[in-house]
Amino acid sequence: MSNSECLQKFTKNLFWDVDTKYFSMDKHPSYIIQRTLEYGQMDDWRIIWHYYGLDKIVEECKKMRTLDPVCLSFICTNSHTQKEDYRCYHFRQSFPTHWNS
């Protein structure tokens, strides 16, 4: 499946803020994978799984600074990896409490 075919198959609201004419699956894999995991539907997940493969998805997810906890659990379950292997697990944003600030 080619780059343009994949981009056309995604749910229309997934990349509403990006002009897909200038968008490439090969140049922006991290952005596409994160957006698909966090906001996509199951059909969108299947598209990236067929295009990139599970190993590439896991490799990109391990480098991400932020990833929703539900998405992290989803990718860990599908790839049989540990949460501790992912950068986003160690670099969580801290939320200071009112009385400590």
N, C-alpha and C. Protein backbone atom coordinates (compact mmCIF):
# COMPACT_ATOMS: atom_id res chain seq x y z
N MET A 1 0.83 -1.16 0.00
CA MET A 1 0.00 0.00 0.00
C MET A 1 0.89 1.25 0.00
N SER A 2 0.56 2.19 -0.83
CA SER A 2 1.40 3.39 -0.96
C SER A 2 1.05 4.44 0.09
N ASN A 3 1.87 5.45 0.15
CA ASN A 3 1.71 6.53 1.11
C ASN A 3 0.35 7.22 0.95
N SER A 4 0.00 7.61 -0.25
CA SER A 4 -1.26 8.33 -0.47
C SER A 4 -2.48 7.44 -0.23
N GLU A 5 -2.39 6.16 -0.55
CA GLU A 5 -3.50 5.25 -0.29
C GLU A 5 -3.77 5.12 1.20
N CYS A 6 -2.70 5.03 1.98
CA CYS A 6 -2.85 4.92 3.44
C CYS A 6 -3.47 6.18 4.02
N LEU A 7 -2.99 7.33 3.59
CA LEU A 7 -3.51 8.58 4.12
C LEU A 7 -4.98 8.77 3.78
N GLN A 8 -5.42 8.27 2.64
CA GLN A 8 -6.83 8.39 2.27
C GLN A 8 -7.72 7.45 3.07
N LYS A 9 -7.17 6.35 3.55
CA LYS A 9 -7.96 5.37 4.29
C LYS A 9 -8.16 5.75 5.76
N PHE A 10 -7.36 6.67 6.29
CA PHE A 10 -7.51 7.07 7.68
C PHE A 10 -8.86 7.75 7.89
N THR A 11 -9.35 7.71 9.12
CA THR A 11 -10.56 8.43 9.48
C THR A 11 -10.34 9.91 9.20
N LYS A 12 -11.30 10.56 8.60
CA LYS A 12 -11.14 11.94 8.13
C LYS A 12 -10.82 12.92 9.25
N ASN A 13 -11.36 12.70 10.44
CA ASN A 13 -11.11 13.66 11.52
C ASN A 13 -9.80 13.42 12.24
N LEU A 14 -9.06 12.39 11.90
CA LEU A 14 -7.81 12.08 12.58
C LEU A 14 -6.73 13.11 12.29
N PHE A 15 -6.63 13.55 11.05
CA PHE A 15 -5.62 14.54 10.65
C PHE A 15 -6.31 15.79 10.11
N TRP A 16 -7.24 16.32 10.87
CA TRP A 16 -8.01 17.48 10.43
C TRP A 16 -7.15 18.74 10.35
N ASP A 17 -6.06 18.79 11.11
CA ASP A 17 -5.25 20.00 11.18
C ASP A 17 -4.04 19.98 10.25
N VAL A 18 -3.92 18.95 9.43
CA VAL A 18 -2.76 18.77 8.57
C VAL A 18 -3.21 18.68 7.12
N ASP A 19 -2.50 19.35 6.23
CA ASP A 19 -2.77 19.23 4.80
C ASP A 19 -2.10 17.96 4.31
N THR A 20 -2.87 16.94 3.99
CA THR A 20 -2.32 15.63 3.65
C THR A 20 -1.58 15.62 2.31
N LYS A 21 -1.71 16.68 1.51
CA LYS A 21 -0.94 16.74 0.27
C LYS A 21 0.55 16.84 0.55
N TYR A 22 0.91 17.48 1.66
CA TYR A 22 2.31 17.69 2.01
C TYR A 22 2.75 16.79 3.16
N PHE A 23 2.00 15.76 3.42
CA PHE A 23 2.23 14.89 4.55
C PHE A 23 2.70 13.53 4.04
N SER A 24 3.68 12.94 4.73
CA SER A 24 4.23 11.67 4.29
C SER A 24 4.27 10.68 5.45
N MET A 25 3.88 9.46 5.18
CA MET A 25 3.92 8.40 6.20
C MET A 25 5.37 8.05 6.54
N ASP A 26 6.28 8.23 5.60
CA ASP A 26 7.68 7.87 5.82
C ASP A 26 8.46 8.96 6.55
N LYS A 27 8.08 10.22 6.36
CA LYS A 27 8.80 11.32 6.99
C LYS A 27 8.32 11.62 8.40
N HIS A 28 7.09 11.27 8.71
CA HIS A 28 6.49 11.63 10.00
C HIS A 28 5.89 10.41 10.72
N PRO A 29 6.63 9.34 10.89
CA PRO A 29 6.02 8.14 11.51
C PRO A 29 5.64 8.34 12.97
N SER A 30 6.43 9.08 13.72
CA SER A 30 6.14 9.26 15.14
C SER A 30 4.83 10.02 15.34
N TYR A 31 4.64 11.08 14.57
CA TYR A 31 3.42 11.88 14.67
C TYR A 31 2.20 11.05 14.28
N ILE A 32 2.30 10.30 13.20
CA ILE A 32 1.17 9.50 12.73
C ILE A 32 0.83 8.40 13.72
N ILE A 33 1.84 7.74 14.25
CA ILE A 33 1.60 6.65 15.19
C ILE A 33 0.97 7.18 16.47
N GLN A 34 1.51 8.28 17.01
CA GLN A 34 0.95 8.82 18.25
C GLN A 34 -0.47 9.31 18.05
N ARG A 35 -0.72 10.01 16.97
CA ARG A 35 -2.07 10.53 16.71
C ARG A 35 -3.05 9.37 16.52
N THR A 36 -2.62 8.33 15.85
CA THR A 36 -3.49 7.18 15.62
C THR A 36 -3.79 6.44 16.91
N LEU A 37 -2.78 6.23 17.74
CA LEU A 37 -2.99 5.53 19.00
C LEU A 37 -3.90 6.33 19.94
N GLU A 38 -3.72 7.62 20.01
CA GLU A 38 -4.47 8.42 20.96
C GLU A 38 -5.87 8.80 20.49
N TYR A 39 -6.05 9.01 19.19
CA TYR A 39 -7.33 9.52 18.71
C TYR A 39 -7.99 8.66 17.62
N GLY A 40 -7.29 7.67 17.13
CA GLY A 40 -7.81 6.89 16.02
C GLY A 40 -8.76 5.78 16.43
N GLN A 41 -9.35 5.19 15.44
CA GLN A 41 -10.24 4.05 15.64
C GLN A 41 -9.47 2.78 15.33
N MET A 42 -10.12 1.65 15.54
CA MET A 42 -9.44 0.37 15.34
C MET A 42 -9.00 0.18 13.88
N ASP A 43 -9.77 0.68 12.93
CA ASP A 43 -9.37 0.58 11.52
C ASP A 43 -8.10 1.39 11.25
N ASP A 44 -7.96 2.52 11.93
CA ASP A 44 -6.74 3.33 11.78
C ASP A 44 -5.53 2.59 12.34
N TRP A 45 -5.72 1.90 13.45
CA TRP A 45 -4.65 1.08 14.03
C TRP A 45 -4.21 0.01 13.05
N ARG A 46 -5.16 -0.63 12.38
CA ARG A 46 -4.82 -1.68 11.41
C ARG A 46 -4.04 -1.11 10.23
N ILE A 47 -4.34 0.12 9.84
CA ILE A 47 -3.61 0.74 8.73
C ILE A 47 -2.14 0.94 9.10
N ILE A 48 -1.88 1.50 10.27
CA ILE A 48 -0.47 1.72 10.63
C ILE A 48 0.23 0.40 10.91
N TRP A 49 -0.51 -0.58 11.41
CA TRP A 49 0.10 -1.89 11.68
C TRP A 49 0.54 -2.57 10.37
N HIS A 50 -0.30 -2.45 9.34
CA HIS A 50 0.06 -3.04 8.04
C HIS A 50 1.16 -2.24 7.35
N TYR A 51 1.15 -0.92 7.52
CA TYR A 51 2.14 -0.10 6.82
C TYR A 51 3.51 -0.16 7.49
N TYR A 52 3.57 0.03 8.81
CA TYR A 52 4.84 0.09 9.52
C TYR A 52 5.29 -1.26 10.08
N GLY A 53 4.35 -2.06 10.51
CA GLY A 53 4.70 -3.29 11.22
C GLY A 53 4.83 -3.02 12.71
N LEU A 54 4.63 -4.03 13.52
CA LEU A 54 4.62 -3.87 14.96
C LEU A 54 5.98 -3.44 15.50
N ASP A 55 7.06 -3.95 14.93
CA ASP A 55 8.40 -3.59 15.42
C ASP A 55 8.68 -2.09 15.27
N LYS A 56 8.33 -1.52 14.13
CA LYS A 56 8.55 -0.09 13.88
C LYS A 56 7.67 0.75 14.81
N ILE A 57 6.43 0.32 15.03
CA ILE A 57 5.52 1.06 15.92
C ILE A 57 6.08 1.07 17.34
N VAL A 58 6.54 -0.08 17.81
CA VAL A 58 7.11 -0.17 19.16
C VAL A 58 8.37 0.69 19.26
N GLU A 59 9.20 0.65 18.25
CA GLU A 59 10.44 1.45 18.24
C GLU A 59 10.13 2.94 18.34
N GLU A 60 9.14 3.40 17.59
CA GLU A 60 8.76 4.81 17.63
C GLU A 60 8.11 5.17 18.97
N CYS A 61 7.30 4.29 19.50
CA CYS A 61 6.63 4.55 20.78
C CYS A 61 7.63 4.61 21.93
N LYS A 62 8.67 3.83 21.87
CA LYS A 62 9.67 3.84 22.93
C LYS A 62 10.40 5.18 23.00
N LYS A 63 10.46 5.91 21.89
CA LYS A 63 11.14 7.20 21.85
C LYS A 63 10.24 8.38 22.19
N MET A 64 8.93 8.16 22.26
CA MET A 64 7.99 9.25 22.50
C MET A 64 8.10 9.79 23.92
N ARG A 65 8.05 11.09 24.01
CA ARG A 65 8.15 11.74 25.31
C ARG A 65 6.82 11.67 26.07
N THR A 66 5.72 11.74 25.36
CA THR A 66 4.40 11.63 25.98
C THR A 66 3.56 10.63 25.21
N LEU A 67 2.78 9.88 25.94
CA LEU A 67 1.82 8.93 25.36
C LEU A 67 0.78 8.66 26.42
N ASP A 68 -0.46 8.68 26.02
CA ASP A 68 -1.56 8.44 26.93
C ASP A 68 -1.37 7.09 27.63
N PRO A 69 -1.65 6.99 28.93
CA PRO A 69 -1.46 5.71 29.65
C PRO A 69 -2.24 4.55 29.07
N VAL A 70 -3.43 4.82 28.55
CA VAL A 70 -4.23 3.75 27.94
C VAL A 70 -3.54 3.26 26.66
N CYS A 71 -3.00 4.18 25.89
CA CYS A 71 -2.30 3.82 24.65
C CYS A 71 -1.01 3.06 24.97
N LEU A 72 -0.34 3.46 26.03
CA LEU A 72 0.87 2.76 26.44
C LEU A 72 0.54 1.32 26.83
N SER A 73 -0.53 1.13 27.56
CA SER A 73 -0.95 -0.23 27.94
C SER A 73 -1.34 -1.04 26.71
N PHE A 74 -2.01 -0.39 25.76
CA PHE A 74 -2.42 -1.07 24.53
C PHE A 74 -1.22 -1.56 23.74
N ILE A 75 -0.22 -0.70 23.57
CA ILE A 75 0.95 -1.09 22.79
C ILE A 75 1.79 -2.12 23.53
N CYS A 76 1.86 -2.03 24.85
CA CYS A 76 2.60 -3.03 25.63
C CYS A 76 1.93 -4.39 25.56
N THR A 77 0.62 -4.41 25.62
CA THR A 77 -0.11 -5.67 25.55
C THR A 77 0.05 -6.32 24.18
N ASN A 78 -0.05 -5.53 23.12
CA ASN A 78 0.07 -6.10 21.77
C ASN A 78 1.48 -6.53 21.41
N SER A 79 2.48 -5.86 21.98
CA SER A 79 3.86 -6.17 21.62
C SER A 79 4.58 -7.03 22.66
N HIS A 80 3.91 -7.31 23.76
CA HIS A 80 4.50 -8.10 24.85
C HIS A 80 5.78 -7.45 25.36
N THR A 81 5.73 -6.14 25.58
CA THR A 81 6.87 -5.41 26.13
C THR A 81 6.48 -4.83 27.49
N GLN A 82 7.46 -4.35 28.22
CA GLN A 82 7.24 -3.78 29.54
C GLN A 82 7.10 -2.25 29.44
N LYS A 83 6.28 -1.69 30.30
CA LYS A 83 6.10 -0.23 30.33
C LYS A 83 7.39 0.50 30.66
N GLU A 84 8.23 -0.13 31.44
CA GLU A 84 9.47 0.50 31.87
C GLU A 84 10.44 0.74 30.71
N ASP A 85 10.23 0.07 29.58
CA ASP A 85 11.10 0.23 28.42
C ASP A 85 10.80 1.50 27.63
N TYR A 86 9.72 2.19 27.96
CA TYR A 86 9.26 3.34 27.19
C TYR A 86 9.66 4.64 27.87
N ARG A 87 10.09 5.59 27.08
CA ARG A 87 10.52 6.88 27.59
C ARG A 87 9.37 7.63 28.27
N CYS A 88 8.18 7.54 27.72
CA CYS A 88 7.04 8.27 28.27
C CYS A 88 6.66 7.76 29.66
N TYR A 89 7.03 6.56 30.00
CA TYR A 89 6.74 6.02 31.33
C TYR A 89 7.59 6.71 32.39
N HIS A 90 8.80 7.07 32.05
CA HIS A 90 9.71 7.70 33.00
C HIS A 90 9.61 9.22 33.01
N PHE A 91 9.15 9.82 31.94
CA PHE A 91 9.06 11.28 31.84
C PHE A 91 7.61 11.75 31.91
N ARG A 92 6.93 11.38 32.95
CA ARG A 92 5.56 11.85 33.13
C ARG A 92 5.58 13.30 33.59
N GLN A 93 4.58 14.05 33.18
CA GLN A 93 4.48 15.43 33.63
C GLN A 93 4.03 15.44 35.09
N SER A 94 4.62 16.30 35.84
CA SER A 94 4.22 16.40 37.24
C SER A 94 3.14 17.46 37.38
N PHE A 95 2.21 17.19 38.24
CA PHE A 95 1.13 18.13 38.52
C PHE A 95 1.28 18.59 39.97
N PRO A 96 1.87 19.76 40.18
CA PRO A 96 2.05 20.22 41.56
C PRO A 96 0.70 20.48 42.22
N THR A 97 0.62 20.11 43.47
CA THR A 97 -0.60 20.37 44.21
C THR A 97 -0.65 21.82 44.63
N HIS A 98 -1.80 22.26 44.95
CA HIS A 98 -2.03 23.67 45.27
C HIS A 98 -1.21 24.10 46.48
N TRP A 99 -1.12 23.30 47.49
CA TRP A 99 -0.45 23.69 48.72
C TRP A 99 1.08 23.61 48.60
N ASN A 100 1.61 22.96 47.56
CA ASN A 100 3.07 22.88 47.40
C ASN A 100 3.61 23.96 46.47
N SER A 101 2.77 24.68 45.80
CA SER A 101 3.27 25.65 44.83
C SER A 101 3.42 27.04 45.39
